[in-house]
PDB file of N, CA and C in Angstrom:
ATOM      1  N   MET A   1      -6.482 114.257  91.999  1.00  0.00           N
ATOM      2  CA  MET A   1      -6.710 114.183  90.576  1.00  0.00           C
ATOM      3  C   MET A   1      -7.288 115.519  90.110  1.00  0.00           C
ATOM      4  N   LEU A   2      -6.768 115.990  89.007  1.00  0.00           N
ATOM      5  CA  LEU A   2      -7.254 117.213  88.381  1.00  0.00           C
ATOM      6  C   LEU A   2      -7.957 116.843  87.083  1.00  0.00           C
ATOM      7  N   GLU A   3      -9.070 117.494  86.804  1.00  0.00           N
ATOM      8  CA  GLU A   3      -9.795 117.281  85.555  1.00  0.00           C
ATOM      9  C   GLU A   3      -9.979 118.604  84.852  1.00  0.00           C
ATOM     10  N   THR A   4      -9.948 118.557  83.529  1.00  0.00           N
ATOM     11  CA  THR A   4     -10.231 119.751  82.740  1.00  0.00           C
ATOM     12  C   THR A   4     -11.200 119.394  81.629  1.00  0.00           C
ATOM     13  N   ASP A   5     -11.765 120.417  81.029  1.00  0.00           N
ATOM     14  CA  ASP A   5     -12.711 120.177  79.951  1.00  0.00           C
ATOM     15  C   ASP A   5     -12.126 120.432  78.571  1.00  0.00           C
ATOM     16  N   SER A   6     -10.836 120.786  78.533  1.00  0.00           N
ATOM     17  CA  SER A   6     -10.203 121.025  77.230  1.00  0.00           C
ATOM     18  C   SER A   6      -8.685 120.939  77.359  1.00  0.00           C
ATOM     19  N   GLY A   7      -8.053 120.791  76.223  1.00  0.00           N
ATOM     20  CA  GLY A   7      -6.599 120.786  76.197  1.00  0.00           C
ATOM     21  C   GLY A   7      -6.009 122.106  76.643  1.00  0.00           C
ATOM     22  N   HIS A   8      -6.659 123.191  76.275  1.00  0.00           N
ATOM     23  CA  HIS A   8      -6.163 124.517  76.658  1.00  0.00           C
ATOM     24  C   HIS A   8      -6.195 124.692  78.177  1.00  0.00           C
ATOM     25  N   THR A   9      -7.249 124.196  78.814  1.00  0.00           N
ATOM     26  CA  THR A   9      -7.343 124.281  80.271  1.00  0.00           C
ATOM     27  C   THR A   9      -6.282 123.405  80.925  1.00  0.00           C
ATOM     28  N   ALA A  10      -6.017 122.254  80.354  1.00  0.00           N
ATOM     29  CA  ALA A  10      -4.975 121.367  80.886  1.00  0.00           C
ATOM     30  C   ALA A  10      -3.607 122.051  80.828  1.00  0.00           C
ATOM     31  N   LEU A  11      -3.331 122.710  79.725  1.00  0.00           N
ATOM     32  CA  LEU A  11      -2.058 123.422  79.603  1.00  0.00           C
ATOM     33  C   LEU A  11      -1.967 124.569  80.606  1.00  0.00           C
ATOM     34  N   ALA A  12      -3.086 125.235  80.863  1.00  0.00           N
ATOM     35  CA  ALA A  12      -3.093 126.316  81.847  1.00  0.00           C
ATOM     36  C   ALA A  12      -2.768 125.785  83.240  1.00  0.00           C
ATOM     37  N   LEU A  13      -3.264 124.589  83.567  1.00  0.00           N
ATOM     38  CA  LEU A  13      -2.929 123.968  84.859  1.00  0.00           C
ATOM     39  C   LEU A  13      -1.426 123.706  84.959  1.00  0.00           C
ATOM     40  N   LEU A  14      -0.864 123.204  83.877  1.00  0.00           N
ATOM     41  CA  LEU A  14       0.583 122.951  83.876  1.00  0.00           C
ATOM     42  C   LEU A  14       1.357 124.259  84.010  1.00  0.00           C
ATOM     43  N   ASP A  15       0.902 125.294  83.328  1.00  0.00           N
ATOM     44  CA  ASP A  15       1.577 126.589  83.395  1.00  0.00           C
ATOM     45  C   ASP A  15       1.515 127.192  84.799  1.00  0.00           C
ATOM     46  N   ARG A  16       0.462 126.884  85.540  1.00  0.00           N
ATOM     47  CA  ARG A  16       0.340 127.387  86.912  1.00  0.00           C
ATOM     48  C   ARG A  16       1.217 126.611  87.888  1.00  0.00           C
ATOM     49  N   GLY A  17       1.823 125.536  87.402  1.00  0.00           N
ATOM     50  CA  GLY A  17       2.712 124.767  88.263  1.00  0.00           C
ATOM     51  C   GLY A  17       2.020 123.700  89.081  1.00  0.00           C
ATOM     52  N   GLU A  18       0.786 123.356  88.705  1.00  0.00           N
ATOM     53  CA  GLU A  18       0.077 122.299  89.424  1.00  0.00           C
ATOM     54  C   GLU A  18       0.902 121.011  89.379  1.00  0.00           C
ATOM     55  N   PRO A  19       0.977 120.270  90.487  1.00  0.00           N
ATOM     56  CA  PRO A  19       1.700 118.996  90.475  1.00  0.00           C
ATOM     57  C   PRO A  19       0.922 117.956  89.668  1.00  0.00           C
ATOM     58  N   VAL A  20       1.536 117.452  88.624  1.00  0.00           N
ATOM     59  CA  VAL A  20       0.889 116.474  87.744  1.00  0.00           C
ATOM     60  C   VAL A  20       1.898 115.375  87.452  1.00  0.00           C
ATOM     61  N   ASP A  21       1.506 114.120  87.749  1.00  0.00           N
ATOM     62  CA  ASP A  21       2.369 112.970  87.475  1.00  0.00           C
ATOM     63  C   ASP A  21       2.090 112.347  86.120  1.00  0.00           C
ATOM     64  N   LEU A  22       0.823 112.446  85.681  1.00  0.00           N
ATOM     65  CA  LEU A  22       0.421 111.768  84.466  1.00  0.00           C
ATOM     66  C   LEU A  22      -0.697 112.551  83.786  1.00  0.00           C
ATOM     67  N   LEU A  23      -0.624 112.635  82.482  1.00  0.00           N
ATOM     68  CA  LEU A  23      -1.677 113.237  81.663  1.00  0.00           C
ATOM     69  C   LEU A  23      -2.416 112.097  80.967  1.00  0.00           C
ATOM     70  N   PHE A  24      -3.726 112.012  81.200  1.00  0.00           N
ATOM     71  CA  PHE A  24      -4.562 110.991  80.570  1.00  0.00           C
ATOM     72  C   PHE A  24      -5.487 111.719  79.612  1.00  0.00           C
ATOM     73  N   THR A  25      -5.306 111.479  78.311  1.00  0.00           N
ATOM     74  CA  THR A  25      -6.050 112.238  77.302  1.00  0.00           C
ATOM     75  C   THR A  25      -6.549 111.348  76.184  1.00  0.00           C
ATOM     76  N   ASP A  26      -7.710 111.728  75.676  1.00  0.00           N
ATOM     77  CA  ASP A  26      -8.233 111.081  74.475  1.00  0.00           C
ATOM     78  C   ASP A  26      -7.469 111.654  73.280  1.00  0.00           C
ATOM     79  N   ILE A  27      -7.381 110.897  72.219  1.00  0.00           N
ATOM     80  CA  ILE A  27      -6.726 111.386  70.999  1.00  0.00           C
ATOM     81  C   ILE A  27      -7.589 112.467  70.345  1.00  0.00           C
ATOM     82  N   VAL A  28      -8.901 112.222  70.276  1.00  0.00           N
ATOM     83  CA  VAL A  28      -9.827 113.163  69.652  1.00  0.00           C
ATOM     84  C   VAL A  28     -10.562 113.910  70.762  1.00  0.00           C
ATOM     85  N   MET A  29     -10.435 115.243  70.756  1.00  0.00           N
ATOM     86  CA  MET A  29     -11.072 116.057  71.796  1.00  0.00           C
ATOM     87  C   MET A  29     -11.697 117.295  71.169  1.00  0.00           C
ATOM     88  N   PRO A  30     -12.736 117.808  71.814  1.00  0.00           N
ATOM     89  CA  PRO A  30     -13.302 119.075  71.350  1.00  0.00           C
ATOM     90  C   PRO A  30     -12.423 120.239  71.790  1.00  0.00           C
ATOM     91  N   GLY A  31     -12.647 121.394  71.236  1.00  0.00           N
ATOM     92  CA  GLY A  31     -11.967 122.581  71.729  1.00  0.00           C
ATOM     93  C   GLY A  31     -10.764 123.028  70.932  1.00  0.00           C
ATOM     94  N   GLY A  32     -10.511 122.420  69.783  1.00  0.00           N
ATOM     95  CA  GLY A  32      -9.473 122.929  68.908  1.00  0.00           C
ATOM     96  C   GLY A  32      -8.070 122.402  69.139  1.00  0.00           C
ATOM     97  N   ILE A  33      -7.895 121.449  70.049  1.00  0.00           N
ATOM     98  CA  ILE A  33      -6.566 120.870  70.259  1.00  0.00           C
ATOM     99  C   ILE A  33      -6.738 119.358  70.436  1.00  0.00           C
ATOM    100  N   SER A  34      -5.997 118.593  69.678  1.00  0.00           N
ATOM    101  CA  SER A  34      -6.091 117.133  69.773  1.00  0.00           C
ATOM    102  C   SER A  34      -5.285 116.641  70.964  1.00  0.00           C
ATOM    103  N   GLY A  35      -5.514 115.412  71.335  1.00  0.00           N
ATOM    104  CA  GLY A  35      -4.732 114.810  72.411  1.00  0.00           C
ATOM    105  C   GLY A  35      -3.252 114.728  72.070  1.00  0.00           C
ATOM    106  N   LEU A  36      -2.939 114.484  70.804  1.00  0.00           N
ATOM    107  CA  LEU A  36      -1.532 114.430  70.393  1.00  0.00           C
ATOM    108  C   LEU A  36      -0.874 115.800  70.511  1.00  0.00           C
ATOM    109  N   GLU A  37      -1.588 116.854  70.108  1.00  0.00           N
ATOM    110  CA  GLU A  37      -1.048 118.205  70.239  1.00  0.00           C
ATOM    111  C   GLU A  37      -0.913 118.591  71.707  1.00  0.00           C
ATOM    112  N   LEU A  38      -1.907 118.227  72.507  1.00  0.00           N
ATOM    113  CA  LEU A  38      -1.831 118.488  73.947  1.00  0.00           C
ATOM    114  C   LEU A  38      -0.604 117.813  74.539  1.00  0.00           C
ATOM    115  N   ALA A  39      -0.376 116.567  74.189  1.00  0.00           N
ATOM    116  CA  ALA A  39       0.774 115.837  74.714  1.00  0.00           C
ATOM    117  C   ALA A  39       2.084 116.501  74.293  1.00  0.00           C
ATOM    118  N   HIS A  40       2.150 116.939  73.061  1.00  0.00           N
ATOM    119  CA  HIS A  40       3.358 117.607  72.565  1.00  0.00           C
ATOM    120  C   HIS A  40       3.628 118.886  73.366  1.00  0.00           C
ATOM    121  N   ARG A  41       2.604 119.698  73.526  1.00  0.00           N
ATOM    122  CA  ARG A  41       2.767 120.957  74.260  1.00  0.00           C
ATOM    123  C   ARG A  41       3.048 120.714  75.746  1.00  0.00           C
ATOM    124  N   ALA A  42       2.379 119.721  76.312  1.00  0.00           N
ATOM    125  CA  ALA A  42       2.614 119.395  77.720  1.00  0.00           C
ATOM    126  C   ALA A  42       4.039 118.880  77.912  1.00  0.00           C
ATOM    127  N   GLY A  43       4.508 118.083  76.964  1.00  0.00           N
ATOM    128  CA  GLY A  43       5.868 117.562  77.045  1.00  0.00           C
ATOM    129  C   GLY A  43       6.929 118.647  76.936  1.00  0.00           C
ATOM    130  N   GLU A  44       6.629 119.697  76.195  1.00  0.00           N
ATOM    131  CA  GLU A  44       7.560 120.835  76.126  1.00  0.00           C
ATOM    132  C   GLU A  44       7.661 121.525  77.482  1.00  0.00           C
ATOM    133  N   ARG A  45       6.542 121.581  78.199  1.00  0.00           N
ATOM    134  CA  ARG A  45       6.514 122.237  79.501  1.00  0.00           C
ATOM    135  C   ARG A  45       7.110 121.355  80.588  1.00  0.00           C
ATOM    136  N   ARG A  46       6.827 120.055  80.480  1.00  0.00           N
ATOM    137  CA  ARG A  46       7.267 119.094  81.499  1.00  0.00           C
ATOM    138  C   ARG A  46       7.801 117.846  80.794  1.00  0.00           C
ATOM    139  N   PRO A  47       9.075 117.837  80.467  1.00  0.00           N
ATOM    140  CA  PRO A  47       9.644 116.729  79.687  1.00  0.00           C
ATOM    141  C   PRO A  47       9.505 115.355  80.336  1.00  0.00           C
ATOM    142  N   ASP A  48       9.398 115.288  81.652  1.00  0.00           N
ATOM    143  CA  ASP A  48       9.290 113.996  82.325  1.00  0.00           C
ATOM    144  C   ASP A  48       7.847 113.551  82.550  1.00  0.00           C
ATOM    145  N   LEU A  49       6.887 114.329  82.083  1.00  0.00           N
ATOM    146  CA  LEU A  49       5.480 114.013  82.277  1.00  0.00           C
ATOM    147  C   LEU A  49       5.121 112.718  81.562  1.00  0.00           C
ATOM    148  N   LYS A  50       4.467 111.824  82.267  1.00  0.00           N
ATOM    149  CA  LYS A  50       3.977 110.580  81.674  1.00  0.00           C
ATOM    150  C   LYS A  50       2.629 110.878  81.020  1.00  0.00           C
ATOM    151  N   ILE A  51       2.382 110.230  79.872  1.00  0.00           N
ATOM    152  CA  ILE A  51       1.160 110.496  79.121  1.00  0.00           C
ATOM    153  C   ILE A  51       0.504 109.175  78.735  1.00  0.00           C
ATOM    154  N   LEU A  52      -0.780 109.064  79.060  1.00  0.00           N
ATOM    155  CA  LEU A  52      -1.565 107.903  78.664  1.00  0.00           C
ATOM    156  C   LEU A  52      -2.655 108.378  77.708  1.00  0.00           C
ATOM    157  N   PHE A  53      -2.587 107.887  76.485  1.00  0.00           N
ATOM    158  CA  PHE A  53      -3.572 108.216  75.461  1.00  0.00           C
ATOM    159  C   PHE A  53      -4.660 107.147  75.435  1.00  0.00           C
ATOM    160  N   THR A  54      -5.852 107.562  75.081  1.00  0.00           N
ATOM    161  CA  THR A  54      -6.941 106.613  74.862  1.00  0.00           C
ATOM    162  C   THR A  54      -7.710 107.020  73.617  1.00  0.00           C
ATOM    163  N   SER A  55      -8.410 106.060  73.049  1.00  0.00           N
ATOM    164  CA  SER A  55      -9.226 106.343  71.881  1.00  0.00           C
ATOM    165  C   SER A  55     -10.160 105.174  71.632  1.00  0.00           C
ATOM    166  N   GLY A  56     -11.319 105.483  71.093  1.00  0.00           N
ATOM    167  CA  GLY A  56     -12.240 104.441  70.658  1.00  0.00           C
ATOM    168  C   GLY A  56     -11.929 103.969  69.248  1.00  0.00           C
ATOM    169  N   PHE A  57     -10.946 104.592  68.648  1.00  0.00           N
ATOM    170  CA  PHE A  57     -10.534 104.240  67.293  1.00  0.00           C
ATOM    171  C   PHE A  57      -9.306 103.345  67.348  1.00  0.00           C
ATOM    172  N   THR A  58      -8.808 102.953  66.215  1.00  0.00           N
ATOM    173  CA  THR A  58      -7.633 102.104  66.118  1.00  0.00           C
ATOM    174  C   THR A  58      -6.413 102.783  66.717  1.00  0.00           C
ATOM    175  N   GLU A  59      -5.504 101.976  67.223  1.00  0.00           N
ATOM    176  CA  GLU A  59      -4.260 102.509  67.764  1.00  0.00           C
ATOM    177  C   GLU A  59      -3.603 103.432  66.747  1.00  0.00           C
ATOM    178  N   PRO A  60      -3.233 104.637  67.158  1.00  0.00           N
ATOM    179  CA  PRO A  60      -2.632 105.590  66.215  1.00  0.00           C
ATOM    180  C   PRO A  60      -1.325 105.081  65.608  1.00  0.00           C
ATOM    181  N   ASP A  61      -1.087 105.453  64.351  1.00  0.00           N
ATOM    182  CA  ASP A  61       0.130 105.058  63.653  1.00  0.00           C
ATOM    183  C   ASP A  61       1.381 105.424  64.437  1.00  0.00           C
ATOM    184  N   LYS A  62       1.357 106.559  65.124  1.00  0.00           N
ATOM    185  CA  LYS A  62       2.533 107.000  65.853  1.00  0.00           C
ATOM    186  C   LYS A  62       2.958 105.986  66.909  1.00  0.00           C
ATOM    187  N   PHE A  63       2.003 105.239  67.467  1.00  0.00           N
ATOM    188  CA  PHE A  63       2.346 104.205  68.439  1.00  0.00           C
ATOM    189  C   PHE A  63       2.842 102.959  67.735  1.00  0.00           C
ATOM    190  N   ARG A  64       2.169 102.580  66.671  1.00  0.00           N
ATOM    191  CA  ARG A  64       2.601 101.383  65.942  1.00  0.00           C
ATOM    192  C   ARG A  64       3.999 101.563  65.372  1.00  0.00           C
ATOM    193  N   GLU A  65       4.338 102.787  65.003  1.00  0.00           N
ATOM    194  CA  GLU A  65       5.665 103.078  64.449  1.00  0.00           C
ATOM    195  C   GLU A  65       6.708 103.271  65.541  1.00  0.00           C
ATOM    196  N   GLY A  66       6.275 103.320  66.800  1.00  0.00           N
ATOM    197  CA  GLY A  66       7.204 103.493  67.907  1.00  0.00           C
ATOM    198  C   GLY A  66       7.616 104.933  68.152  1.00  0.00           C
ATOM    199  N   ALA A  67       6.922 105.900  67.555  1.00  0.00           N
ATOM    200  CA  ALA A  67       7.308 107.310  67.706  1.00  0.00           C
ATOM    201  C   ALA A  67       6.936 107.875  69.065  1.00  0.00           C
ATOM    202  N   LEU A  68       5.983 107.255  69.750  1.00  0.00           N
ATOM    203  CA  LEU A  68       5.541 107.756  71.053  1.00  0.00           C
ATOM    204  C   LEU A  68       5.766 106.697  72.127  1.00  0.00           C
ATOM    205  N   THR A  69       6.994 106.350  72.352  1.00  0.00           N
ATOM    206  CA  THR A  69       7.269 105.306  73.336  1.00  0.00           C
ATOM    207  C   THR A  69       7.884 105.848  74.621  1.00  0.00           C
ATOM    208  N   VAL A  70       8.481 107.016  74.587  1.00  0.00           N
ATOM    209  CA  VAL A  70       9.111 107.571  75.785  1.00  0.00           C
ATOM    210  C   VAL A  70       8.044 108.249  76.631  1.00  0.00           C
ATOM    211  N   ASN A  71       7.877 107.766  77.846  1.00  0.00           N
ATOM    212  CA  ASN A  71       6.926 108.331  78.808  1.00  0.00           C
ATOM    213  C   ASN A  71       5.485 108.298  78.327  1.00  0.00           C
ATOM    214  N   ALA A  72       5.157 107.456  77.354  1.00  0.00           N
ATOM    215  CA  ALA A  72       3.792 107.437  76.825  1.00  0.00           C
ATOM    216  C   ALA A  72       3.315 106.004  76.600  1.00  0.00           C
ATOM    217  N   ALA A  73       1.994 105.847  76.733  1.00  0.00           N
ATOM    218  CA  ALA A  73       1.357 104.557  76.446  1.00  0.00           C
ATOM    219  C   ALA A  73      -0.015 104.843  75.852  1.00  0.00           C
ATOM    220  N   TRP A  74      -0.622 103.803  75.318  1.00  0.00           N
ATOM    221  CA  TRP A  74      -1.932 103.924  74.687  1.00  0.00           C
ATOM    222  C   TRP A  74      -2.819 102.804  75.192  1.00  0.00           C
ATOM    223  N   ILE A  75      -4.090 103.127  75.437  1.00  0.00           N
ATOM    224  CA  ILE A  75      -5.072 102.117  75.813  1.00  0.00           C
ATOM    225  C   ILE A  75      -6.344 102.378  75.012  1.00  0.00           C
ATOM    226  N   GLY A  76      -6.848 101.343  74.396  1.00  0.00           N
ATOM    227  CA  GLY A  76      -8.051 101.489  73.583  1.00  0.00           C
ATOM    228  C   GLY A  76      -9.320 101.501  74.426  1.00  0.00           C
ATOM    229  N   LYS A  77     -10.365 102.048  73.844  1.00  0.00           N
ATOM    230  CA  LYS A  77     -11.682 102.035  74.472  1.00  0.00           C
ATOM    231  C   LYS A  77     -12.528 100.986  73.777  1.00  0.00           C
ATOM    232  N   PRO A  78     -13.359 100.314  74.484  1.00  0.00           N
ATOM    233  CA  PRO A  78     -13.492 100.377  75.940  1.00  0.00           C
ATOM    234  C   PRO A  78     -12.378  99.592  76.610  1.00  0.00           C
ATOM    235  N   HIS A  79     -12.073  99.952  77.831  1.00  0.00           N
ATOM    236  CA  HIS A  79     -11.082  99.222  78.606  1.00  0.00           C
ATOM    237  C   HIS A  79     -11.638  98.966  80.002  1.00  0.00           C
ATOM    238  N   THR A  80     -11.087  97.960  80.635  1.00  0.00           N
ATOM    239  CA  THR A  80     -11.523  97.623  81.985  1.00  0.00           C
ATOM    240  C   THR A  80     -10.677  98.393  82.999  1.00  0.00           C
ATOM    241  N   ILE A  81     -11.139  98.416  84.212  1.00  0.00           N
ATOM    242  CA  ILE A  81     -10.368  99.035  85.301  1.00  0.00           C
ATOM    243  C   ILE A  81      -9.023  98.319  85.447  1.00  0.00           C
ATOM    244  N   ALA A  82      -9.025  97.000  85.316  1.00  0.00           N
ATOM    245  CA  ALA A  82      -7.782  96.232  85.438  1.00  0.00           C
ATOM    246  C   ALA A  82      -6.796  96.607  84.334  1.00  0.00           C
ATOM    247  N   GLU A  83      -7.280  96.779  83.114  1.00  0.00           N
ATOM    248  CA  GLU A  83      -6.403  97.187  82.010  1.00  0.00           C
ATOM    249  C   GLU A  83      -5.853  98.592  82.249  1.00  0.00           C
ATOM    250  N   LEU A  84      -6.699  99.489  82.728  1.00  0.00           N
ATOM    251  CA  LEU A  84      -6.249 100.845  83.035  1.00  0.00           C
ATOM    252  C   LEU A  84      -5.214 100.816  84.150  1.00  0.00           C
ATOM    253  N   ARG A  85      -5.467 100.047  85.187  1.00  0.00           N
ATOM    254  CA  ARG A  85      -4.513  99.919  86.300  1.00  0.00           C
ATOM    255  C   ARG A  85      -3.159  99.416  85.805  1.00  0.00           C
ATOM    256  N   GLU A  86      -3.179  98.429  84.900  1.00  0.00           N
ATOM    257  CA  GLU A  86      -1.935  97.879  84.351  1.00  0.00           C
ATOM    258  C   GLU A  86      -1.154  98.944  83.579  1.00  0.00           C
ATOM    259  N   LYS A  87      -1.843  99.724  82.750  1.00  0.00           N
ATOM    260  CA  LYS A  87      -1.166 100.785  81.985  1.00  0.00           C
ATOM    261  C   LYS A  87      -0.593 101.848  82.910  1.00  0.00           C
ATOM    262  N   LEU A  88      -1.368 102.221  83.929  1.00  0.00           N
ATOM    263  CA  LEU A  88      -0.867 103.210  84.891  1.00  0.00           C
ATOM    264  C   LEU A  88       0.363 102.674  85.615  1.00  0.00           C
ATOM    265  N   HIS A  89       0.349 101.409  85.968  1.00  0.00           N
ATOM    266  CA  HIS A  89       1.506 100.793  86.615  1.00  0.00           C
ATOM    267  C   HIS A  89       2.726 100.810  85.694  1.00  0.00           C
ATOM    268  N   GLU A  90       2.511 100.525  84.421  1.00  0.00           N
ATOM    269  CA  GLU A  90       3.608 100.559  83.448  1.00  0.00           C
ATOM    270  C   GLU A  90       4.248 101.948  83.403  1.00  0.00           C
ATOM    271  N   LEU A  91       3.417 102.972  83.390  1.00  0.00           N
ATOM    272  CA  LEU A  91       3.925 104.340  83.243  1.00  0.00           C
ATOM    273  C   LEU A  91       4.489 104.904  84.540  1.00  0.00           C
ATOM    274  N   LEU A  92       3.803 104.647  85.641  1.00  0.00           N
ATOM    275  CA  LEU A  92       4.186 105.269  86.910  1.00  0.00           C
ATOM    276  C   LEU A  92       5.050 104.365  87.782  1.00  0.00           C
ATOM    277  N   GLY A  93       5.057 103.069  87.466  1.00  0.00           N
ATOM    278  CA  GLY A  93       5.869 102.143  88.242  1.00  0.00           C
ATOM    279  C   GLY A  93       5.380 101.950  89.659  1.00  0.00           C
ATOM    280  N   SER A  94       4.104 102.182  89.895  1.00  0.00           N
ATOM    281  CA  SER A  94       3.586 101.991  91.255  1.00  0.00           C
ATOM    282  C   SER A  94       2.467 101.006  91.274  1.00  0.00           C
TER     283      SER A  94
END
């Protein structure tokens, strides 16, 4: 597992070619890049990258409208380990 402290650092990891199966990001993040922007930029670099969004706020409109359904899922906060495991299974199929 790789961890970063910002969206920019996460993108740098992807640019270095680090093996990444899934990006788990909050919608609201410090550092000048939102989770949605991070996902967009990460998806440009790695089109098959699976993305799991989380937020303590209401499910984003983009999910309710079905705009983020390919390789992406959303889980609200707080969530249990079992709920997280289920979402990861949905995305990764393992």
